[in-house]
């Protein structure tokens, strides 16, 4: 079950990242390609950090489970 939750979490994070990148491109159409890349990289790093926190939380919560 833990693997399923982690996979769903990664998919949701990817979709949210994609939506944010698309919103950036529509909100700031005058942005240069360099600015587009900087924002995409920043969002990627942010979501990597979020994924690390989520995986630590899942490990912590699964270690407390009585039904493993």
C-alpha atoms as a PDB file:
ATOM      1  CA  UNK A   1       0.000   0.000   0.000  1.00  0.00           C
ATOM      2  CA  UNK A   2       2.846   2.365   0.810  1.00  0.00           C
ATOM      3  CA  UNK A   3       4.215   2.065  -2.744  1.00  0.00           C
ATOM      4  CA  UNK A   4       0.809   2.892  -4.187  1.00  0.00           C
ATOM      5  CA  UNK A   5       0.529   6.006  -2.025  1.00  0.00           C
ATOM      6  CA  UNK A   6       4.031   7.119  -2.983  1.00  0.00           C
ATOM      7  CA  UNK A   7       3.338   6.585  -6.697  1.00  0.00           C
ATOM      8  CA  UNK A   8       0.075   8.550  -6.505  1.00  0.00           C
ATOM      9  CA  UNK A   9       1.847  11.317  -4.603  1.00  0.00           C
ATOM     10  CA  UNK A  10       4.536  11.560  -7.307  1.00  0.00           C
ATOM     11  CA  UNK A  11       1.911  11.701 -10.050  1.00  0.00           C
ATOM     12  CA  UNK A  12      -0.054  14.408  -8.241  1.00  0.00           C
ATOM     13  CA  UNK A  13       3.125  16.415  -7.650  1.00  0.00           C
ATOM     14  CA  UNK A  14       4.051  16.145 -11.332  1.00  0.00           C
ATOM     15  CA  UNK A  15       0.597  17.311 -12.449  1.00  0.00           C
ATOM     16  CA  UNK A  16       0.716  20.268 -10.035  1.00  0.00           C
ATOM     17  CA  UNK A  17       4.207  21.170 -11.288  1.00  0.00           C
ATOM     18  CA  UNK A  18       3.014  21.015 -14.884  1.00  0.00           C
ATOM     19  CA  UNK A  19      -0.020  23.194 -14.135  1.00  0.00           C
ATOM     20  CA  UNK A  20       2.194  25.774 -12.412  1.00  0.00           C
ATOM     21  CA  UNK A  21       4.596  25.875 -15.380  1.00  0.00           C
ATOM     22  CA  UNK A  22       1.685  26.294 -17.799  1.00  0.00           C
ATOM     23  CA  UNK A  23       0.170  29.038 -15.633  1.00  0.00           C
ATOM     24  CA  UNK A  24       3.550  30.797 -15.559  1.00  0.00           C
ATOM     25  CA  UNK A  25       3.745  30.699 -19.357  1.00  0.00           C
ATOM     26  CA  UNK A  26       0.238  32.082 -19.797  1.00  0.00           C
ATOM     27  CA  UNK A  27       0.540  34.673 -17.020  1.00  0.00           C
ATOM     28  CA  UNK A  28       3.894  35.998 -18.249  1.00  0.00           C
ATOM     29  CA  UNK A  29       3.950  35.527 -22.032  1.00  0.00           C
ATOM     30  CA  UNK A  30       6.592  38.253 -22.401  1.00  0.00           C
ATOM     31  CA  UNK A  31       9.082  36.263 -20.286  1.00  0.00           C
ATOM     32  CA  UNK A  32      12.307  35.302 -21.998  1.00  0.00           C
ATOM     33  CA  UNK A  33      13.186  31.636 -22.547  1.00  0.00           C
ATOM     34  CA  UNK A  34      15.858  32.017 -19.845  1.00  0.00           C
ATOM     35  CA  UNK A  35      13.226  33.148 -17.340  1.00  0.00           C
ATOM     36  CA  UNK A  36      11.017  30.201 -18.328  1.00  0.00           C
ATOM     37  CA  UNK A  37      13.871  27.797 -17.652  1.00  0.00           C
ATOM     38  CA  UNK A  38      14.727  29.444 -14.322  1.00  0.00           C
ATOM     39  CA  UNK A  39      11.123  29.178 -13.122  1.00  0.00           C
ATOM     40  CA  UNK A  40      10.821  25.555 -14.280  1.00  0.00           C
ATOM     41  CA  UNK A  41      14.078  24.624 -12.515  1.00  0.00           C
ATOM     42  CA  UNK A  42      13.009  26.457  -9.348  1.00  0.00           C
ATOM     43  CA  UNK A  43       9.667  24.639  -9.331  1.00  0.00           C
ATOM     44  CA  UNK A  44      11.428  21.318  -9.960  1.00  0.00           C
ATOM     45  CA  UNK A  45      13.734  21.844  -6.986  1.00  0.00           C
ATOM     46  CA  UNK A  46      10.783  22.889  -4.840  1.00  0.00           C
ATOM     47  CA  UNK A  47       8.878  19.729  -5.748  1.00  0.00           C
ATOM     48  CA  UNK A  48      11.944  17.551  -5.117  1.00  0.00           C
ATOM     49  CA  UNK A  49      12.102  19.001  -1.603  1.00  0.00           C
ATOM     50  CA  UNK A  50       8.369  18.416  -1.144  1.00  0.00           C
ATOM     51  CA  UNK A  51       8.825  14.815  -2.326  1.00  0.00           C
ATOM     52  CA  UNK A  52      11.616  14.282   0.217  1.00  0.00           C
ATOM     53  CA  UNK A  53       9.398  15.552   3.030  1.00  0.00           C
ATOM     54  CA  UNK A  54       6.516  13.379   1.857  1.00  0.00           C
ATOM     55  CA  UNK A  55       8.677  10.249   1.674  1.00  0.00           C
ATOM     56  CA  UNK A  56      10.040  10.905   5.175  1.00  0.00           C
ATOM     57  CA  UNK A  57       6.493  11.343   6.455  1.00  0.00           C
ATOM     58  CA  UNK A  58       5.378   8.107   4.775  1.00  0.00           C
ATOM     59  CA  UNK A  59       8.334   6.213   6.273  1.00  0.00           C
ATOM     60  CA  UNK A  60       7.599   7.636   9.698  1.00  0.00           C
ATOM     61  CA  UNK A  61       3.872   6.877   9.521  1.00  0.00           C
ATOM     62  CA  UNK A  62       4.397   3.349   8.134  1.00  0.00           C
ATOM     63  CA  UNK A  63       6.851   2.469  10.912  1.00  0.00           C
ATOM     64  CA  UNK A  64       4.131   3.232  13.459  1.00  0.00           C
ATOM     65  CA  UNK A  65       1.598   0.961  11.794  1.00  0.00           C
ATOM     66  CA  UNK A  66       0.381  -2.061  13.738  1.00  0.00           C
ATOM     67  CA  UNK A  67      -0.571  -4.001  10.621  1.00  0.00           C
ATOM     68  CA  UNK A  68       2.771  -4.391   8.798  1.00  0.00           C
END
